[in-house]
Structure formats: structure tokens, C-alpha cells
């Protein structure tokens, strides 16, 4: 099992534009393969490259044995499949990245200052006392699935956008529907 530092830090070098050598080193959004974010961050640490994998605590449940439910907290990436780093263009050729990274997205110089500003805001929010969790911005009409609670697995459409989403269960054959006001964090887009 991989051991990841509890807070994969934003080293000062990650944000210092003056130290940047644009000829050899750039900021990247690293799109990892599914469930490989922590391995990619560990690889960045082994290469001694500054990186940032924003993580948040999520309460989890797992059935163990006959009917016992084990509750625990897990550190989950804020943006599934993404971490951020500074790499030399030669680093992109390292074969170990092929195991964990789908592709690299370079942050070009005109966008760099805004990119760093946004990541710093995220870092500050994660370090605060506030509860942080990913937010999915649902569009009206989006097909979604309920991911938790007694209605888990149900699919429907978002019909109203407000603090709680209005989830609609449609019965096509009779042309009728019912609606449920539900917390948006219980919903996931169906692709």
C-alpha cells in the first residue's frame, strides 16, 4: 500500500514565477489514469518535482462480514484524475509515467499567473476549518444518478437549480413523473 504524506504540499517553488526556467520547465495539469492520482503524486515526489494533489476527507462505509458496516475516513482527490506539477520537458519521457499518467496538459505562460492564483485559493481553502468537497455543477435537464442513501442507484433528471437539486423520476410509459428535492452531493452525472 502506498503511503502518501497527509498533505502533498505546494512547495514555494511551485508558485515562484521568478525561478521559472521557461526553456526547460513548465507548469502542467497532470491527467492521471483512473485511480492513479496518488501514485502519480508519489512519482513526482520521487523525482523531487513540486506538485500539488488536492485531497479532502470523505466519510466512507464498507460492509465487512455478515452485516457489519465499517465506517472510516479516506483522503480522496478533490478533482478525480488530476494533479498539478512543474516538470522539465525531459521528465515527460520517463517510462514510469506511462503506468500512471494518461496525458500532460501544459499551462502556457499567459495563463500561468491565473492558474497559480486559483491553485493557491484551493490550497488555502483546504487548509481552512471549512469542509471542502467537490462540487458538480449540474445543468438543467442533466441525467443523474443518486449515489448514496435509501434512493441510491435511482436515475432521473435535474429540473430545477437551487441549493438542493430537484431530482425527477420519470415513468415514460405513463408519461408521468415525481420530483424529489435532494442535496446535490448525492448526485452524479450519468454519461
C-alpha atoms as a PDB file:
ATOM      1  CA  UNK A   1       0.000   0.000   0.000  1.00  0.00           C
ATOM      2  CA  UNK A   2       1.296   3.462  -0.908  1.00  0.00           C
ATOM      3  CA  UNK A   3       1.977   5.923   1.841  1.00  0.00           C
ATOM      4  CA  UNK A   4       1.197   9.455   0.759  1.00  0.00           C
ATOM      5  CA  UNK A   5       2.014  12.396   3.009  1.00  0.00           C
ATOM      6  CA  UNK A   6      -1.264  13.713   4.511  1.00  0.00           C
ATOM      7  CA  UNK A   7      -0.830  16.979   2.662  1.00  0.00           C
ATOM      8  CA  UNK A   8       1.126  16.744  -0.536  1.00  0.00           C
ATOM      9  CA  UNK A   9       2.450  20.235  -0.246  1.00  0.00           C
ATOM     10  CA  UNK A  10       2.568  23.154  -2.554  1.00  0.00           C
ATOM     11  CA  UNK A  11       6.254  23.877  -2.296  1.00  0.00           C
ATOM     12  CA  UNK A  12       7.184  27.527  -2.606  1.00  0.00           C
ATOM     13  CA  UNK A  13       8.967  26.704  -5.881  1.00  0.00           C
ATOM     14  CA  UNK A  14       5.634  25.665  -7.347  1.00  0.00           C
ATOM     15  CA  UNK A  15       4.346  29.230  -7.112  1.00  0.00           C
ATOM     16  CA  UNK A  16       7.503  31.255  -7.641  1.00  0.00           C
ATOM     17  CA  UNK A  17       7.327  32.598 -11.185  1.00  0.00           C
ATOM     18  CA  UNK A  18      10.724  34.308 -10.922  1.00  0.00           C
ATOM     19  CA  UNK A  19      12.523  30.943 -10.525  1.00  0.00           C
ATOM     20  CA  UNK A  20      10.845  29.520 -13.594  1.00  0.00           C
ATOM     21  CA  UNK A  21      13.114  28.470 -16.449  1.00  0.00           C
ATOM     22  CA  UNK A  22      10.684  28.565 -19.364  1.00  0.00           C
ATOM     23  CA  UNK A  23      13.174  26.816 -21.636  1.00  0.00           C
ATOM     24  CA  UNK A  24      13.200  23.566 -19.651  1.00  0.00           C
ATOM     25  CA  UNK A  25      10.474  23.616 -17.003  1.00  0.00           C
ATOM     26  CA  UNK A  26       6.739  24.338 -17.178  1.00  0.00           C
ATOM     27  CA  UNK A  27       3.588  24.016 -15.114  1.00  0.00           C
ATOM     28  CA  UNK A  28       1.405  21.059 -16.016  1.00  0.00           C
ATOM     29  CA  UNK A  29      -2.039  19.730 -15.281  1.00  0.00           C
ATOM     30  CA  UNK A  30      -1.349  16.016 -14.982  1.00  0.00           C
ATOM     31  CA  UNK A  31      -4.291  13.865 -16.067  1.00  0.00           C
ATOM     32  CA  UNK A  32      -3.766  10.519 -14.390  1.00  0.00           C
ATOM     33  CA  UNK A  33      -5.197   7.180 -15.345  1.00  0.00           C
ATOM     34  CA  UNK A  34      -8.228   6.172 -13.225  1.00  0.00           C
ATOM     35  CA  UNK A  35      -7.422   5.881  -9.508  1.00  0.00           C
ATOM     36  CA  UNK A  36      -3.716   6.635 -10.097  1.00  0.00           C
ATOM     37  CA  UNK A  37      -3.537  10.191  -8.713  1.00  0.00           C
ATOM     38  CA  UNK A  38      -1.673   9.249  -5.517  1.00  0.00           C
ATOM     39  CA  UNK A  39       0.812   7.055  -7.385  1.00  0.00           C
ATOM     40  CA  UNK A  40       1.466   9.918  -9.816  1.00  0.00           C
ATOM     41  CA  UNK A  41       1.999  12.321  -6.888  1.00  0.00           C
ATOM     42  CA  UNK A  42       4.383   9.840  -5.272  1.00  0.00           C
ATOM     43  CA  UNK A  43       6.322   9.615  -8.537  1.00  0.00           C
ATOM     44  CA  UNK A  44       6.551  13.422  -8.659  1.00  0.00           C
ATOM     45  CA  UNK A  45       7.916  13.405  -5.091  1.00  0.00           C
ATOM     46  CA  UNK A  46      10.486  10.734  -6.005  1.00  0.00           C
ATOM     47  CA  UNK A  47      11.617  12.946  -8.911  1.00  0.00           C
ATOM     48  CA  UNK A  48      11.773  15.861  -6.426  1.00  0.00           C
ATOM     49  CA  UNK A  49       9.414  17.845  -8.634  1.00  0.00           C
ATOM     50  CA  UNK A  50       6.994  20.283  -6.985  1.00  0.00           C
ATOM     51  CA  UNK A  51       3.438  19.004  -7.189  1.00  0.00           C
ATOM     52  CA  UNK A  52       0.011  19.515  -5.697  1.00  0.00           C
ATOM     53  CA  UNK A  53      -2.593  16.802  -5.274  1.00  0.00           C
ATOM     54  CA  UNK A  54      -5.560  18.443  -3.535  1.00  0.00           C
ATOM     55  CA  UNK A  55      -7.195  15.931  -1.190  1.00  0.00           C
ATOM     56  CA  UNK A  56     -10.254  16.120   1.048  1.00  0.00           C
ATOM     57  CA  UNK A  57     -11.558  13.828   3.791  1.00  0.00           C
ATOM     58  CA  UNK A  58     -14.600  11.770   2.889  1.00  0.00           C
ATOM     59  CA  UNK A  59     -16.615   9.557   5.230  1.00  0.00           C
ATOM     60  CA  UNK A  60     -16.773   6.053   3.761  1.00  0.00           C
ATOM     61  CA  UNK A  61     -18.634   2.847   4.571  1.00  0.00           C
ATOM     62  CA  UNK A  62     -17.735  -0.718   3.765  1.00  0.00           C
ATOM     63  CA  UNK A  63     -19.627  -3.881   4.583  1.00  0.00           C
ATOM     64  CA  UNK A  64     -17.479  -6.407   6.394  1.00  0.00           C
ATOM     65  CA  UNK A  65     -18.633  -9.846   7.343  1.00  0.00           C
ATOM     66  CA  UNK A  66     -22.283 -10.727   7.539  1.00  0.00           C
ATOM     67  CA  UNK A  67     -23.924  -7.351   8.135  1.00  0.00           C
ATOM     68  CA  UNK A  68     -21.360  -5.217   9.956  1.00  0.00           C
ATOM     69  CA  UNK A  69     -20.698  -1.832   8.442  1.00  0.00           C
ATOM     70  CA  UNK A  70     -17.239  -0.387   8.931  1.00  0.00           C
ATOM     71  CA  UNK A  71     -17.069   3.426   8.855  1.00  0.00           C
ATOM     72  CA  UNK A  72     -13.837   5.264   8.147  1.00  0.00           C
ATOM     73  CA  UNK A  73     -12.422   8.433   6.593  1.00  0.00           C
ATOM     74  CA  UNK A  74     -10.416   8.409   3.403  1.00  0.00           C
ATOM     75  CA  UNK A  75      -8.387  11.077   1.634  1.00  0.00           C
ATOM     76  CA  UNK A  76      -9.906  11.488  -1.830  1.00  0.00           C
ATOM     77  CA  UNK A  77      -8.647  13.697  -4.684  1.00  0.00           C
ATOM     78  CA  UNK A  78     -10.738  16.862  -4.995  1.00  0.00           C
ATOM     79  CA  UNK A  79     -10.568  16.573  -8.774  1.00  0.00           C
ATOM     80  CA  UNK A  80     -10.664  12.892  -9.685  1.00  0.00           C
ATOM     81  CA  UNK A  81      -7.965  12.153 -12.237  1.00  0.00           C
ATOM     82  CA  UNK A  82      -5.982  15.391 -11.839  1.00  0.00           C
ATOM     83  CA  UNK A  83      -2.954  16.722 -10.034  1.00  0.00           C
ATOM     84  CA  UNK A  84      -0.679  19.656 -10.759  1.00  0.00           C
ATOM     85  CA  UNK A  85       3.080  19.924 -11.103  1.00  0.00           C
ATOM     86  CA  UNK A  86       6.179  21.524 -12.545  1.00  0.00           C
ATOM     87  CA  UNK A  87       8.162  19.349 -14.905  1.00  0.00           C
ATOM     88  CA  UNK A  88      11.110  19.584 -17.209  1.00  0.00           C
ATOM     89  CA  UNK A  89      10.124  18.579 -20.747  1.00  0.00           C
ATOM     90  CA  UNK A  90      12.569  15.627 -20.427  1.00  0.00           C
ATOM     91  CA  UNK A  91      10.527  14.325 -17.452  1.00  0.00           C
ATOM     92  CA  UNK A  92       7.634  13.640 -19.807  1.00  0.00           C
ATOM     93  CA  UNK A  93       9.672  10.857 -21.417  1.00  0.00           C
ATOM     94  CA  UNK A  94      10.133   8.889 -18.167  1.00  0.00           C
ATOM     95  CA  UNK A  95       8.632   5.453 -18.743  1.00  0.00           C
ATOM     96  CA  UNK A  96       7.183   5.147 -15.212  1.00  0.00           C
ATOM     97  CA  UNK A  97       4.759   7.955 -16.048  1.00  0.00           C
ATOM     98  CA  UNK A  98       3.261   5.661 -18.713  1.00  0.00           C
ATOM     99  CA  UNK A  99       1.924   3.450 -15.901  1.00  0.00           C
ATOM    100  CA  UNK A 100       0.029   6.205 -14.078  1.00  0.00           C
ATOM    101  CA  UNK A 101      -0.479   9.198 -16.389  1.00  0.00           C
ATOM    102  CA  UNK A 102      -2.943   9.418 -19.275  1.00  0.00           C
ATOM    103  CA  UNK A 103      -1.528  12.722 -20.542  1.00  0.00           C
ATOM    104  CA  UNK A 104       0.043  16.041 -19.605  1.00  0.00           C
ATOM    105  CA  UNK A 105      -1.607  19.404 -20.252  1.00  0.00           C
ATOM    106  CA  UNK A 106       0.882  22.274 -20.352  1.00  0.00           C
ATOM    107  CA  UNK A 107      -0.084  25.593 -18.767  1.00  0.00           C
ATOM    108  CA  UNK A 108       1.211  28.233 -21.179  1.00  0.00           C
ATOM    109  CA  UNK A 109       2.857  31.413 -19.851  1.00  0.00           C
ATOM    110  CA  UNK A 110      -0.075  33.789 -20.419  1.00  0.00           C
ATOM    111  CA  UNK A 111      -2.308  31.521 -18.269  1.00  0.00           C
ATOM    112  CA  UNK A 112       0.265  30.740 -15.574  1.00  0.00           C
ATOM    113  CA  UNK A 113      -0.414  33.579 -13.117  1.00  0.00           C
ATOM    114  CA  UNK A 114      -4.166  32.874 -13.072  1.00  0.00           C
ATOM    115  CA  UNK A 115      -3.514  29.115 -12.770  1.00  0.00           C
ATOM    116  CA  UNK A 116      -1.247  29.669  -9.746  1.00  0.00           C
ATOM    117  CA  UNK A 117      -3.761  32.089  -8.199  1.00  0.00           C
ATOM    118  CA  UNK A 118      -6.575  29.508  -8.493  1.00  0.00           C
ATOM    119  CA  UNK A 119      -4.442  26.706  -7.030  1.00  0.00           C
ATOM    120  CA  UNK A 120      -3.375  28.944  -4.160  1.00  0.00           C
ATOM    121  CA  UNK A 121      -7.037  29.703  -3.410  1.00  0.00           C
ATOM    122  CA  UNK A 122      -7.743  25.955  -3.377  1.00  0.00           C
ATOM    123  CA  UNK A 123      -4.738  25.311  -1.110  1.00  0.00           C
ATOM    124  CA  UNK A 124      -5.938  27.988   1.310  1.00  0.00           C
ATOM    125  CA  UNK A 125      -9.483  26.581   1.328  1.00  0.00           C
ATOM    126  CA  UNK A 126      -8.196  23.058   2.036  1.00  0.00           C
ATOM    127  CA  UNK A 127      -6.056  24.380   4.914  1.00  0.00           C
ATOM    128  CA  UNK A 128      -9.028  26.217   6.454  1.00  0.00           C
ATOM    129  CA  UNK A 129     -11.502  24.953   9.028  1.00  0.00           C
ATOM    130  CA  UNK A 130     -14.235  24.687   6.395  1.00  0.00           C
ATOM    131  CA  UNK A 131     -15.485  21.402   4.975  1.00  0.00           C
ATOM    132  CA  UNK A 132     -14.384  21.080   1.365  1.00  0.00           C
ATOM    133  CA  UNK A 133     -15.874  18.670  -1.158  1.00  0.00           C
ATOM    134  CA  UNK A 134     -16.037  18.541  -4.947  1.00  0.00           C
ATOM    135  CA  UNK A 135     -18.964  20.386  -6.430  1.00  0.00           C
ATOM    136  CA  UNK A 136     -20.562  19.210  -9.602  1.00  0.00           C
ATOM    137  CA  UNK A 137     -22.358  21.961 -11.411  1.00  0.00           C
ATOM    138  CA  UNK A 138     -25.418  20.243 -12.837  1.00  0.00           C
ATOM    139  CA  UNK A 139     -27.221  21.699 -15.796  1.00  0.00           C
ATOM    140  CA  UNK A 140     -30.966  21.757 -16.050  1.00  0.00           C
ATOM    141  CA  UNK A 141     -32.013  18.555 -17.817  1.00  0.00           C
ATOM    142  CA  UNK A 142     -28.853  16.586 -16.896  1.00  0.00           C
ATOM    143  CA  UNK A 143     -29.355  12.838 -16.429  1.00  0.00           C
ATOM    144  CA  UNK A 144     -28.094  11.971 -12.929  1.00  0.00           C
ATOM    145  CA  UNK A 145     -27.903   9.017 -10.569  1.00  0.00           C
ATOM    146  CA  UNK A 146     -28.325   9.119  -6.779  1.00  0.00           C
ATOM    147  CA  UNK A 147     -25.118   7.784  -5.208  1.00  0.00           C
ATOM    148  CA  UNK A 148     -25.985   7.488  -1.527  1.00  0.00           C
ATOM    149  CA  UNK A 149     -28.858   6.993   0.890  1.00  0.00           C
ATOM    150  CA  UNK A 150     -32.058   4.979   0.582  1.00  0.00           C
ATOM    151  CA  UNK A 151     -32.580   6.105  -3.029  1.00  0.00           C
ATOM    152  CA  UNK A 152     -29.075   5.024  -4.147  1.00  0.00           C
ATOM    153  CA  UNK A 153     -28.974   3.852  -7.770  1.00  0.00           C
ATOM    154  CA  UNK A 154     -32.053   5.740  -8.948  1.00  0.00           C
ATOM    155  CA  UNK A 155     -31.682   7.711 -12.174  1.00  0.00           C
ATOM    156  CA  UNK A 156     -33.533  10.858 -13.143  1.00  0.00           C
ATOM    157  CA  UNK A 157     -33.209  14.414 -14.438  1.00  0.00           C
ATOM    158  CA  UNK A 158     -32.349  17.729 -12.801  1.00  0.00           C
ATOM    159  CA  UNK A 159     -35.245  20.102 -13.442  1.00  0.00           C
ATOM    160  CA  UNK A 160     -34.563  22.979 -11.060  1.00  0.00           C
ATOM    161  CA  UNK A 161     -31.325  24.587  -9.972  1.00  0.00           C
ATOM    162  CA  UNK A 162     -31.209  25.841  -6.389  1.00  0.00           C
ATOM    163  CA  UNK A 163     -29.432  24.980  -3.139  1.00  0.00           C
ATOM    164  CA  UNK A 164     -30.888  21.484  -3.291  1.00  0.00           C
ATOM    165  CA  UNK A 165     -31.335  19.965  -6.720  1.00  0.00           C
ATOM    166  CA  UNK A 166     -34.771  18.827  -7.825  1.00  0.00           C
ATOM    167  CA  UNK A 167     -34.438  15.252  -8.988  1.00  0.00           C
ATOM    168  CA  UNK A 168     -37.166  13.835 -11.225  1.00  0.00           C
ATOM    169  CA  UNK A 169     -38.126  10.183 -11.612  1.00  0.00           C
ATOM    170  CA  UNK A 170     -39.907   9.688 -14.884  1.00  0.00           C
ATOM    171  CA  UNK A 171     -42.175   6.787 -15.829  1.00  0.00           C
ATOM    172  CA  UNK A 172     -42.057   7.044 -19.617  1.00  0.00           C
ATOM    173  CA  UNK A 173     -44.802   4.517 -20.293  1.00  0.00           C
ATOM    174  CA  UNK A 174     -47.441   6.569 -18.482  1.00  0.00           C
ATOM    175  CA  UNK A 175     -45.990   9.995 -19.195  1.00  0.00           C
ATOM    176  CA  UNK A 176     -45.828  10.945 -15.519  1.00  0.00           C
ATOM    177  CA  UNK A 177     -43.078  11.902 -13.109  1.00  0.00           C
ATOM    178  CA  UNK A 178     -42.418  12.648  -9.445  1.00  0.00           C
ATOM    179  CA  UNK A 179     -39.854  15.066  -8.058  1.00  0.00           C
ATOM    180  CA  UNK A 180     -37.593  14.908  -5.014  1.00  0.00           C
ATOM    181  CA  UNK A 181     -35.560  17.792  -3.559  1.00  0.00           C
ATOM    182  CA  UNK A 182     -32.155  16.260  -2.829  1.00  0.00           C
ATOM    183  CA  UNK A 183     -28.707  17.507  -1.822  1.00  0.00           C
ATOM    184  CA  UNK A 184     -26.551  17.906  -4.946  1.00  0.00           C
ATOM    185  CA  UNK A 185     -23.698  15.990  -3.302  1.00  0.00           C
ATOM    186  CA  UNK A 186     -25.860  12.838  -3.516  1.00  0.00           C
ATOM    187  CA  UNK A 187     -25.996  13.093  -7.315  1.00  0.00           C
ATOM    188  CA  UNK A 188     -23.612  12.039 -10.059  1.00  0.00           C
ATOM    189  CA  UNK A 189     -23.926  12.734 -13.783  1.00  0.00           C
ATOM    190  CA  UNK A 190     -24.720   9.704 -15.920  1.00  0.00           C
ATOM    191  CA  UNK A 191     -22.603   9.697 -19.069  1.00  0.00           C
END
